[in-house]
């Protein structure tokens, strides 16, 4: 199996791959600030919790661009410079959205 460069798995590809499970509010492909290359993880934020769960159930362990996906709910973002270390907020961006973390 030939692994495609991570840069090939862009927002559009991720959006199309997860769209069958429901409406997507946002897709993020974070950059490593030191290398300016994409991290090995991506985020898809769904409008409905059930859609996020369906995407997780169906896409975890599947292949995308010759890479096996690990799909799960995203952890809260770290608070930069804070004592708490993790945000004291739910894993979704707001009360109406649910975020998945797709690693490959």
PDB file of N, CA and C in Angstrom:
ATOM      1  N   UNK A   1       0.847  -1.168   0.000  1.00  0.00           N
ATOM      2  CA  UNK A   1       0.000   0.000   0.000  1.00  0.00           C
ATOM      3  C   UNK A   1       0.899   1.240   0.000  1.00  0.00           C
ATOM      4  N   UNK A   2       0.630   2.150  -0.909  1.00  0.00           N
ATOM      5  CA  UNK A   2       1.370   3.402  -0.983  1.00  0.00           C
ATOM      6  C   UNK A   2       0.607   4.454  -0.191  1.00  0.00           C
ATOM      7  N   UNK A   3       1.277   5.078   0.758  1.00  0.00           N
ATOM      8  CA  UNK A   3       0.636   6.143   1.534  1.00  0.00           C
ATOM      9  C   UNK A   3       0.798   7.463   0.807  1.00  0.00           C
ATOM     10  N   UNK A   4      -0.300   8.131   0.613  1.00  0.00           N
ATOM     11  CA  UNK A   4      -0.277   9.452  -0.007  1.00  0.00           C
ATOM     12  C   UNK A   4       0.201  10.474   1.016  1.00  0.00           C
ATOM     13  N   UNK A   5       0.840  11.533   0.563  1.00  0.00           N
ATOM     14  CA  UNK A   5       1.229  12.595   1.504  1.00  0.00           C
ATOM     15  C   UNK A   5      -0.005  13.156   2.210  1.00  0.00           C
ATOM     16  N   UNK A   6       0.153  13.525   3.464  1.00  0.00           N
ATOM     17  CA  UNK A   6      -0.976  14.049   4.234  1.00  0.00           C
ATOM     18  C   UNK A   6      -1.586  15.284   3.603  1.00  0.00           C
ATOM     19  N   UNK A   7      -0.785  16.067   2.894  1.00  0.00           N
ATOM     20  CA  UNK A   7      -1.295  17.283   2.274  1.00  0.00           C
ATOM     21  C   UNK A   7      -2.381  16.976   1.246  1.00  0.00           C
ATOM     22  N   UNK A   8      -2.375  15.745   0.693  1.00  0.00           N
ATOM     23  CA  UNK A   8      -3.391  15.371  -0.287  1.00  0.00           C
ATOM     24  C   UNK A   8      -4.766  15.230   0.354  1.00  0.00           C
ATOM     25  N   UNK A   9      -4.811  14.945   1.639  1.00  0.00           N
ATOM     26  CA  UNK A   9      -6.093  14.816   2.336  1.00  0.00           C
ATOM     27  C   UNK A   9      -6.468  16.204   2.844  1.00  0.00           C
ATOM     28  N   UNK A  10      -7.010  17.001   1.927  1.00  0.00           N
ATOM     29  CA  UNK A  10      -7.335  18.389   2.244  1.00  0.00           C
ATOM     30  C   UNK A  10      -8.777  18.515   2.743  1.00  0.00           C
ATOM     31  N   UNK A  11      -9.200  19.738   2.999  1.00  0.00           N
ATOM     32  CA  UNK A  11     -10.542  19.989   3.526  1.00  0.00           C
ATOM     33  C   UNK A  11     -11.629  19.451   2.609  1.00  0.00           C
ATOM     34  N   UNK A  12     -11.475  19.644   1.308  1.00  0.00           N
ATOM     35  CA  UNK A  12     -12.492  19.193   0.352  1.00  0.00           C
ATOM     36  C   UNK A  12     -12.652  17.679   0.374  1.00  0.00           C
ATOM     37  N   UNK A  13     -11.539  16.963   0.390  1.00  0.00           N
ATOM     38  CA  UNK A  13     -11.590  15.499   0.406  1.00  0.00           C
ATOM     39  C   UNK A  13     -12.230  15.005   1.693  1.00  0.00           C
ATOM     40  N   UNK A  14     -11.845  15.584   2.808  1.00  0.00           N
ATOM     41  CA  UNK A  14     -12.411  15.185   4.093  1.00  0.00           C
ATOM     42  C   UNK A  14     -13.905  15.501   4.150  1.00  0.00           C
ATOM     43  N   UNK A  15     -14.290  16.649   3.636  1.00  0.00           N
ATOM     44  CA  UNK A  15     -15.699  17.043   3.611  1.00  0.00           C
ATOM     45  C   UNK A  15     -16.520  16.031   2.813  1.00  0.00           C
ATOM     46  N   UNK A  16     -16.050  15.674   1.629  1.00  0.00           N
ATOM     47  CA  UNK A  16     -16.764  14.715   0.784  1.00  0.00           C
ATOM     48  C   UNK A  16     -16.829  13.339   1.448  1.00  0.00           C
ATOM     49  N   UNK A  17     -15.761  12.925   2.111  1.00  0.00           N
ATOM     50  CA  UNK A  17     -15.721  11.611   2.753  1.00  0.00           C
ATOM     51  C   UNK A  17     -16.716  11.495   3.906  1.00  0.00           C
ATOM     52  N   UNK A  18     -16.929  12.591   4.640  1.00  0.00           N
ATOM     53  CA  UNK A  18     -17.797  12.545   5.815  1.00  0.00           C
ATOM     54  C   UNK A  18     -19.205  13.088   5.561  1.00  0.00           C
ATOM     55  N   UNK A  19     -19.441  13.711   4.426  1.00  0.00           N
ATOM     56  CA  UNK A  19     -20.744  14.299   4.105  1.00  0.00           C
ATOM     57  C   UNK A  19     -21.894  13.290   4.105  1.00  0.00           C
ATOM     58  N   UNK A  20     -21.692  12.033   3.695  1.00  0.00           N
ATOM     59  CA  UNK A  20     -22.817  11.090   3.709  1.00  0.00           C
ATOM     60  C   UNK A  20     -23.456  10.890   5.083  1.00  0.00           C
ATOM     61  N   UNK A  21     -22.783  11.281   6.143  1.00  0.00           N
ATOM     62  CA  UNK A  21     -23.296  11.046   7.487  1.00  0.00           C
ATOM     63  C   UNK A  21     -24.086  12.219   8.046  1.00  0.00           C
ATOM     64  N   UNK A  22     -24.064  13.364   7.368  1.00  0.00           N
ATOM     65  CA  UNK A  22     -24.845  14.507   7.825  1.00  0.00           C
ATOM     66  C   UNK A  22     -24.200  15.830   7.482  1.00  0.00           C
ATOM     67  N   UNK A  23     -24.897  16.895   7.844  1.00  0.00           N
ATOM     68  CA  UNK A  23     -24.414  18.246   7.557  1.00  0.00           C
ATOM     69  C   UNK A  23     -23.171  18.557   8.377  1.00  0.00           C
ATOM     70  N   UNK A  24     -22.169  19.087   7.695  1.00  0.00           N
ATOM     71  CA  UNK A  24     -20.894  19.419   8.320  1.00  0.00           C
ATOM     72  C   UNK A  24     -20.790  20.930   8.448  1.00  0.00           C
ATOM     73  N   UNK A  25     -20.512  21.384   9.654  1.00  0.00           N
ATOM     74  CA  UNK A  25     -20.357  22.820   9.899  1.00  0.00           C
ATOM     75  C   UNK A  25     -18.981  23.310   9.470  1.00  0.00           C
ATOM     76  N   UNK A  26     -17.936  22.497   9.753  1.00  0.00           N
ATOM     77  CA  UNK A  26     -16.572  22.951   9.491  1.00  0.00           C
ATOM     78  C   UNK A  26     -15.634  21.755   9.378  1.00  0.00           C
ATOM     79  N   UNK A  27     -14.580  21.930   8.595  1.00  0.00           N
ATOM     80  CA  UNK A  27     -13.500  20.951   8.487  1.00  0.00           C
ATOM     81  C   UNK A  27     -12.199  21.702   8.706  1.00  0.00           C
ATOM     82  N   UNK A  28     -11.342  21.158   9.561  1.00  0.00           N
ATOM     83  CA  UNK A  28     -10.054  21.809   9.835  1.00  0.00           C
ATOM     84  C   UNK A  28      -8.917  20.829   9.584  1.00  0.00           C
ATOM     85  N   UNK A  29      -7.843  21.354   8.999  1.00  0.00           N
ATOM     86  CA  UNK A  29      -6.614  20.589   8.774  1.00  0.00           C
ATOM     87  C   UNK A  29      -5.476  21.393   9.389  1.00  0.00           C
ATOM     88  N   UNK A  30      -5.242  21.249  10.697  1.00  0.00           N
ATOM     89  CA  UNK A  30      -4.272  22.083  11.415  1.00  0.00           C
ATOM     90  C   UNK A  30      -2.835  21.930  10.911  1.00  0.00           C
ATOM     91  N   UNK A  31      -2.109  23.040  10.962  1.00  0.00           N
ATOM     92  CA  UNK A  31      -0.694  23.067  10.596  1.00  0.00           C
ATOM     93  C   UNK A  31       0.186  22.991  11.835  1.00  0.00           C
ATOM     94  N   UNK A  32       1.284  22.289  11.712  1.00  0.00           N
ATOM     95  CA  UNK A  32       2.326  22.310  12.735  1.00  0.00           C
ATOM     96  C   UNK A  32       3.063  23.632  12.554  1.00  0.00           C
ATOM     97  N   UNK A  33       3.062  24.472  13.564  1.00  0.00           N
ATOM     98  CA  UNK A  33       3.666  25.803  13.443  1.00  0.00           C
ATOM     99  C   UNK A  33       5.168  25.745  13.188  1.00  0.00           C
ATOM    100  N   UNK A  34       5.828  24.716  13.684  1.00  0.00           N
ATOM    101  CA  UNK A  34       7.277  24.607  13.510  1.00  0.00           C
ATOM    102  C   UNK A  34       7.659  24.194  12.093  1.00  0.00           C
ATOM    103  N   UNK A  35       6.921  23.219  11.535  1.00  0.00           N
ATOM    104  CA  UNK A  35       7.284  22.690  10.215  1.00  0.00           C
ATOM    105  C   UNK A  35       6.450  23.268   9.084  1.00  0.00           C
ATOM    106  N   UNK A  36       5.332  23.893   9.428  1.00  0.00           N
ATOM    107  CA  UNK A  36       4.374  24.408   8.451  1.00  0.00           C
ATOM    108  C   UNK A  36       3.793  23.297   7.580  1.00  0.00           C
ATOM    109  N   UNK A  37       3.774  22.073   8.108  1.00  0.00           N
ATOM    110  CA  UNK A  37       3.136  20.942   7.444  1.00  0.00           C
ATOM    111  C   UNK A  37       1.920  20.543   8.268  1.00  0.00           C
ATOM    112  N   UNK A  38       0.975  19.885   7.602  1.00  0.00           N
ATOM    113  CA  UNK A  38      -0.235  19.461   8.296  1.00  0.00           C
ATOM    114  C   UNK A  38       0.070  18.368   9.306  1.00  0.00           C
ATOM    115  N   UNK A  39      -0.621  18.461  10.458  1.00  0.00           N
ATOM    116  CA  UNK A  39      -0.552  17.388  11.449  1.00  0.00           C
ATOM    117  C   UNK A  39      -1.190  16.143  10.836  1.00  0.00           C
ATOM    118  N   UNK A  40      -1.039  15.014  11.495  1.00  0.00           N
ATOM    119  CA  UNK A  40      -1.629  13.776  10.989  1.00  0.00           C
ATOM    120  C   UNK A  40      -3.103  13.640  11.369  1.00  0.00           C
ATOM    121  N   UNK A  41      -3.688  14.678  11.947  1.00  0.00           N
ATOM    122  CA  UNK A  41      -5.096  14.624  12.314  1.00  0.00           C
ATOM    123  C   UNK A  41      -5.870  15.736  11.623  1.00  0.00           C
ATOM    124  N   UNK A  42      -7.156  15.490  11.466  1.00  0.00           N
ATOM    125  CA  UNK A  42      -8.073  16.448  10.855  1.00  0.00           C
ATOM    126  C   UNK A  42      -9.318  16.507  11.741  1.00  0.00           C
ATOM    127  N   UNK A  43     -10.110  17.570  11.600  1.00  0.00           N
ATOM    128  CA  UNK A  43     -11.342  17.709  12.376  1.00  0.00           C
ATOM    129  C   UNK A  43     -12.517  17.959  11.445  1.00  0.00           C
ATOM    130  N   UNK A  44     -13.612  17.247  11.683  1.00  0.00           N
ATOM    131  CA  UNK A  44     -14.876  17.490  10.996  1.00  0.00           C
ATOM    132  C   UNK A  44     -15.897  17.813  12.084  1.00  0.00           C
ATOM    133  N   UNK A  45     -16.546  18.958  11.975  1.00  0.00           N
ATOM    134  CA  UNK A  45     -17.536  19.376  12.962  1.00  0.00           C
ATOM    135  C   UNK A  45     -18.925  19.234  12.354  1.00  0.00           C
ATOM    136  N   UNK A  46     -19.740  18.385  12.955  1.00  0.00           N
ATOM    137  CA  UNK A  46     -21.098  18.130  12.478  1.00  0.00           C
ATOM    138  C   UNK A  46     -22.102  19.006  13.219  1.00  0.00           C
ATOM    139  N   UNK A  47     -23.238  19.267  12.571  1.00  0.00           N
ATOM    140  CA  UNK A  47     -24.301  20.040  13.207  1.00  0.00           C
ATOM    141  C   UNK A  47     -25.106  19.187  14.190  1.00  0.00           C
ATOM    142  N   UNK A  48     -25.206  17.893  13.924  1.00  0.00           N
ATOM    143  CA  UNK A  48     -26.013  17.006  14.763  1.00  0.00           C
ATOM    144  C   UNK A  48     -25.148  15.936  15.427  1.00  0.00           C
ATOM    145  N   UNK A  49     -25.418  15.683  16.691  1.00  0.00           N
ATOM    146  CA  UNK A  49     -24.673  14.671  17.448  1.00  0.00           C
ATOM    147  C   UNK A  49     -24.808  13.288  16.809  1.00  0.00           C
ATOM    148  N   UNK A  50     -26.010  12.946  16.365  1.00  0.00           N
ATOM    149  CA  UNK A  50     -26.250  11.640  15.762  1.00  0.00           C
ATOM    150  C   UNK A  50     -25.424  11.456  14.495  1.00  0.00           C
ATOM    151  N   UNK A  51     -25.244  12.529  13.735  1.00  0.00           N
ATOM    152  CA  UNK A  51     -24.446  12.463  12.509  1.00  0.00           C
ATOM    153  C   UNK A  51     -22.974  12.214  12.833  1.00  0.00           C
ATOM    154  N   UNK A  52     -22.484  12.875  13.871  1.00  0.00           N
ATOM    155  CA  UNK A  52     -21.097  12.663  14.295  1.00  0.00           C
ATOM    156  C   UNK A  52     -20.903  11.218  14.752  1.00  0.00           C
ATOM    157  N   UNK A  53     -21.868  10.691  15.489  1.00  0.00           N
ATOM    158  CA  UNK A  53     -21.780   9.305  15.957  1.00  0.00           C
ATOM    159  C   UNK A  53     -21.810   8.332  14.779  1.00  0.00           C
ATOM    160  N   UNK A  54     -22.659   8.603  13.786  1.00  0.00           N
ATOM    161  CA  UNK A  54     -22.732   7.742  12.600  1.00  0.00           C
ATOM    162  C   UNK A  54     -21.421   7.772  11.826  1.00  0.00           C
ATOM    163  N   UNK A  55     -20.829   8.947  11.696  1.00  0.00           N
ATOM    164  CA  UNK A  55     -19.543   9.068  11.004  1.00  0.00           C
ATOM    165  C   UNK A  55     -18.468   8.288  11.746  1.00  0.00           C
ATOM    166  N   UNK A  56     -18.464   8.399  13.056  1.00  0.00           N
ATOM    167  CA  UNK A  56     -17.477   7.693  13.860  1.00  0.00           C
ATOM    168  C   UNK A  56     -17.670   6.178  13.725  1.00  0.00           C
ATOM    169  N   UNK A  57     -18.904   5.712  13.824  1.00  0.00           N
ATOM    170  CA  UNK A  57     -19.189   4.279  13.724  1.00  0.00           C
ATOM    171  C   UNK A  57     -18.815   3.710  12.359  1.00  0.00           C
ATOM    172  N   UNK A  58     -19.035   4.484  11.311  1.00  0.00           N
ATOM    173  CA  UNK A  58     -18.816   3.990   9.954  1.00  0.00           C
ATOM    174  C   UNK A  58     -17.417   4.218   9.405  1.00  0.00           C
ATOM    175  N   UNK A  59     -16.734   5.262   9.848  1.00  0.00           N
ATOM    176  CA  UNK A  59     -15.437   5.608   9.256  1.00  0.00           C
ATOM    177  C   UNK A  59     -14.235   5.139  10.072  1.00  0.00           C
ATOM    178  N   UNK A  60     -14.419   4.836  11.347  1.00  0.00           N
ATOM    179  CA  UNK A  60     -13.295   4.363  12.158  1.00  0.00           C
ATOM    180  C   UNK A  60     -12.801   3.032  11.601  1.00  0.00           C
ATOM    181  N   UNK A  61     -11.521   2.972  11.252  1.00  0.00           N
ATOM    182  CA  UNK A  61     -10.932   1.763  10.696  1.00  0.00           C
ATOM    183  C   UNK A  61     -10.994   1.671   9.181  1.00  0.00           C
ATOM    184  N   UNK A  62     -11.694   2.599   8.543  1.00  0.00           N
ATOM    185  CA  UNK A  62     -11.777   2.615   7.080  1.00  0.00           C
ATOM    186  C   UNK A  62     -10.532   3.262   6.488  1.00  0.00           C
ATOM    187  N   UNK A  63     -10.340   3.079   5.182  1.00  0.00           N
ATOM    188  CA  UNK A  63      -9.195   3.672   4.495  1.00  0.00           C
ATOM    189  C   UNK A  63      -9.612   4.907   3.715  1.00  0.00           C
ATOM    190  N   UNK A  64      -8.747   5.906   3.728  1.00  0.00           N
ATOM    191  CA  UNK A  64      -8.908   7.112   2.923  1.00  0.00           C
ATOM    192  C   UNK A  64      -7.530   7.464   2.398  1.00  0.00           C
ATOM    193  N   UNK A  65      -7.398   7.470   1.084  1.00  0.00           N
ATOM    194  CA  UNK A  65      -6.095   7.732   0.453  1.00  0.00           C
ATOM    195  C   UNK A  65      -5.024   6.798   1.001  1.00  0.00           C
ATOM    196  N   UNK A  66      -5.353   5.520   1.059  1.00  0.00           N
ATOM    197  CA  UNK A  66      -4.428   4.462   1.486  1.00  0.00           C
ATOM    198  C   UNK A  66      -3.963   4.603   2.932  1.00  0.00           C
ATOM    199  N   UNK A  67      -4.741   5.286   3.758  1.00  0.00           N
ATOM    200  CA  UNK A  67      -4.421   5.420   5.181  1.00  0.00           C
ATOM    201  C   UNK A  67      -5.626   4.952   5.990  1.00  0.00           C
ATOM    202  N   UNK A  68      -5.354   4.172   7.021  1.00  0.00           N
ATOM    203  CA  UNK A  68      -6.426   3.699   7.893  1.00  0.00           C
ATOM    204  C   UNK A  68      -6.775   4.818   8.864  1.00  0.00           C
ATOM    205  N   UNK A  69      -8.058   5.136   8.940  1.00  0.00           N
ATOM    206  CA  UNK A  69      -8.522   6.228   9.795  1.00  0.00           C
ATOM    207  C   UNK A  69      -8.822   5.743  11.209  1.00  0.00           C
ATOM    208  N   UNK A  70      -8.495   6.566  12.171  1.00  0.00           N
ATOM    209  CA  UNK A  70      -8.958   6.418  13.547  1.00  0.00           C
ATOM    210  C   UNK A  70      -9.870   7.611  13.781  1.00  0.00           C
ATOM    211  N   UNK A  71     -11.159   7.343  13.944  1.00  0.00           N
ATOM    212  CA  UNK A  71     -12.140   8.424  14.068  1.00  0.00           C
ATOM    213  C   UNK A  71     -12.779   8.350  15.444  1.00  0.00           C
ATOM    214  N   UNK A  72     -12.706   9.461  16.181  1.00  0.00           N
ATOM    215  CA  UNK A  72     -13.304   9.521  17.511  1.00  0.00           C
ATOM    216  C   UNK A  72     -13.662  10.964  17.833  1.00  0.00           C
ATOM    217  N   UNK A  73     -14.342  11.141  18.964  1.00  0.00           N
ATOM    218  CA  UNK A  73     -14.661  12.502  19.382  1.00  0.00           C
ATOM    219  C   UNK A  73     -13.375  13.222  19.761  1.00  0.00           C
ATOM    220  N   UNK A  74     -13.287  14.476  19.398  1.00  0.00           N
ATOM    221  CA  UNK A  74     -12.091  15.275  19.683  1.00  0.00           C
ATOM    222  C   UNK A  74     -12.052  15.662  21.157  1.00  0.00           C
ATOM    223  N   UNK A  75     -10.844  15.750  21.688  1.00  0.00           N
ATOM    224  CA  UNK A  75     -10.640  16.255  23.045  1.00  0.00           C
ATOM    225  C   UNK A  75     -10.694  17.776  23.021  1.00  0.00           C
ATOM    226  N   UNK A  76     -11.026  18.399  24.143  1.00  0.00           N
ATOM    227  CA  UNK A  76     -11.023  19.864  24.192  1.00  0.00           C
ATOM    228  C   UNK A  76      -9.631  20.409  23.883  1.00  0.00           C
ATOM    229  N   UNK A  77      -9.598  21.575  23.274  1.00  0.00           N
ATOM    230  CA  UNK A  77      -8.316  22.202  22.963  1.00  0.00           C
ATOM    231  C   UNK A  77      -7.619  22.647  24.242  1.00  0.00           C
ATOM    232  N   UNK A  78      -6.296  22.589  24.244  1.00  0.00           N
ATOM    233  CA  UNK A  78      -5.527  23.054  25.396  1.00  0.00           C
ATOM    234  C   UNK A  78      -5.628  24.568  25.501  1.00  0.00           C
ATOM    235  N   UNK A  79      -5.652  25.029  26.716  1.00  0.00           N
ATOM    236  CA  UNK A  79      -5.634  26.468  26.954  1.00  0.00           C
ATOM    237  C   UNK A  79      -4.181  26.902  26.997  1.00  0.00           C
ATOM    238  N   UNK A  80      -3.807  27.786  26.121  1.00  0.00           N
ATOM    239  CA  UNK A  80      -2.417  28.241  26.076  1.00  0.00           C
ATOM    240  C   UNK A  80      -2.128  29.154  27.260  1.00  0.00           C
ATOM    241  N   UNK A  81      -1.112  28.788  28.013  1.00  0.00           N
ATOM    242  CA  UNK A  81      -0.673  29.621  29.116  1.00  0.00           C
ATOM    243  C   UNK A  81      -1.537  29.560  30.354  1.00  0.00           C
ATOM    244  N   UNK A  82      -2.568  28.725  30.349  1.00  0.00           N
ATOM    245  CA  UNK A  82      -3.448  28.646  31.505  1.00  0.00           C
ATOM    246  C   UNK A  82      -3.040  27.553  32.463  1.00  0.00           C
ATOM    247  N   UNK A  83      -3.486  27.663  33.709  1.00  0.00           N
ATOM    248  CA  UNK A  83      -3.165  26.663  34.721  1.00  0.00           C
ATOM    249  C   UNK A  83      -3.977  25.391  34.534  1.00  0.00           C
ATOM    250  N   UNK A  84      -5.161  25.526  33.965  1.00  0.00           N
ATOM    251  CA  UNK A  84      -6.068  24.394  33.874  1.00  0.00           C
ATOM    252  C   UNK A  84      -5.550  23.315  32.917  1.00  0.00           C
ATOM    253  N   UNK A  85      -4.889  23.701  31.865  1.00  0.00           N
ATOM    254  CA  UNK A  85      -4.342  22.730  30.924  1.00  0.00           C
ATOM    255  C   UNK A  85      -5.313  22.305  29.843  1.00  0.00           C
ATOM    256  N   UNK A  86      -6.571  22.109  30.164  1.00  0.00           N
ATOM    257  CA  UNK A  86      -7.588  21.752  29.176  1.00  0.00           C
ATOM    258  C   UNK A  86      -8.782  22.693  29.330  1.00  0.00           C
ATOM    259  N   UNK A  87      -9.424  22.942  28.235  1.00  0.00           N
ATOM    260  CA  UNK A  87     -10.587  23.831  28.258  1.00  0.00           C
ATOM    261  C   UNK A  87     -11.712  23.182  29.053  1.00  0.00           C
ATOM    262  N   UNK A  88     -12.400  23.969  29.841  1.00  0.00           N
ATOM    263  CA  UNK A  88     -13.536  23.476  30.612  1.00  0.00           C
ATOM    264  C   UNK A  88     -14.805  23.680  29.795  1.00  0.00           C
ATOM    265  N   UNK A  89     -14.805  23.107  28.612  1.00  0.00           N
ATOM    266  CA  UNK A  89     -15.955  23.228  27.723  1.00  0.00           C
ATOM    267  C   UNK A  89     -16.161  21.894  27.025  1.00  0.00           C
ATOM    268  N   UNK A  90     -17.336  21.667  26.453  1.00  0.00           N
ATOM    269  CA  UNK A  90     -17.571  20.400  25.776  1.00  0.00           C
ATOM    270  C   UNK A  90     -16.681  20.248  24.543  1.00  0.00           C
ATOM    271  N   UNK A  91     -16.638  19.018  24.008  1.00  0.00           N
ATOM    272  CA  UNK A  91     -15.769  18.749  22.872  1.00  0.00           C
ATOM    273  C   UNK A  91     -16.257  19.401  21.589  1.00  0.00           C
ATOM    274  N   UNK A  92     -17.472  19.878  21.557  1.00  0.00           N
ATOM    275  CA  UNK A  92     -17.972  20.538  20.367  1.00  0.00           C
ATOM    276  C   UNK A  92     -17.762  22.038  20.488  1.00  0.00           C
ATOM    277  N   UNK A  93     -17.776  22.704  19.356  1.00  0.00           N
ATOM    278  CA  UNK A  93     -17.458  24.133  19.312  1.00  0.00           C
ATOM    279  C   UNK A  93     -18.503  24.971  20.035  1.00  0.00           C
ATOM    280  N   UNK A  94     -19.754  24.600  19.930  1.00  0.00           N
ATOM    281  CA  UNK A  94     -20.818  25.294  20.645  1.00  0.00           C
ATOM    282  C   UNK A  94     -21.940  24.287  20.881  1.00  0.00           C
ATOM    283  N   UNK A  95     -23.031  24.723  21.449  1.00  0.00           N
ATOM    284  CA  UNK A  95     -24.091  23.803  21.846  1.00  0.00           C
ATOM    285  C   UNK A  95     -24.743  23.089  20.666  1.00  0.00           C
ATOM    286  N   UNK A  96     -24.571  23.601  19.453  1.00  0.00           N
ATOM    287  CA  UNK A  96     -25.240  23.023  18.298  1.00  0.00           C
ATOM    288  C   UNK A  96     -24.320  22.228  17.380  1.00  0.00           C
ATOM    289  N   UNK A  97     -23.070  22.040  17.745  1.00  0.00           N
ATOM    290  CA  UNK A  97     -22.159  21.326  16.856  1.00  0.00           C
ATOM    291  C   UNK A  97     -21.376  20.261  17.600  1.00  0.00           C
ATOM    292  N   UNK A  98     -20.934  19.269  16.872  1.00  0.00           N
ATOM    293  CA  UNK A  98     -20.202  18.145  17.436  1.00  0.00           C
ATOM    294  C   UNK A  98     -18.984  17.887  16.569  1.00  0.00           C
ATOM    295  N   UNK A  99     -17.830  17.792  17.178  1.00  0.00           N
ATOM    296  CA  UNK A  99     -16.567  17.705  16.446  1.00  0.00           C
ATOM    297  C   UNK A  99     -15.983  16.301  16.535  1.00  0.00           C
ATOM    298  N   UNK A 100     -15.506  15.803  15.397  1.00  0.00           N
ATOM    299  CA  UNK A 100     -14.808  14.527  15.346  1.00  0.00           C
ATOM    300  C   UNK A 100     -13.357  14.765  15.002  1.00  0.00           C
ATOM    301  N   UNK A 101     -12.514  13.921  15.517  1.00  0.00           N
ATOM    302  CA  UNK A 101     -11.081  13.963  15.252  1.00  0.00           C
ATOM    303  C   UNK A 101     -10.749  12.750  14.398  1.00  0.00           C
ATOM    304  N   UNK A 102     -10.327  12.982  13.163  1.00  0.00           N
ATOM    305  CA  UNK A 102      -9.963  11.885  12.263  1.00  0.00           C
ATOM    306  C   UNK A 102      -8.457  11.838  12.132  1.00  0.00           C
ATOM    307  N   UNK A 103      -7.846  10.810  12.675  1.00  0.00           N
ATOM    308  CA  UNK A 103      -6.391  10.655  12.597  1.00  0.00           C
ATOM    309  C   UNK A 103      -6.072   9.566  11.593  1.00  0.00           C
ATOM    310  N   UNK A 104      -4.955   9.764  10.899  1.00  0.00           N
ATOM    311  CA  UNK A 104      -4.495   8.723   9.974  1.00  0.00           C
ATOM    312  C   UNK A 104      -3.003   8.790   9.862  1.00  0.00           C
TER     313      UNK A 104
END
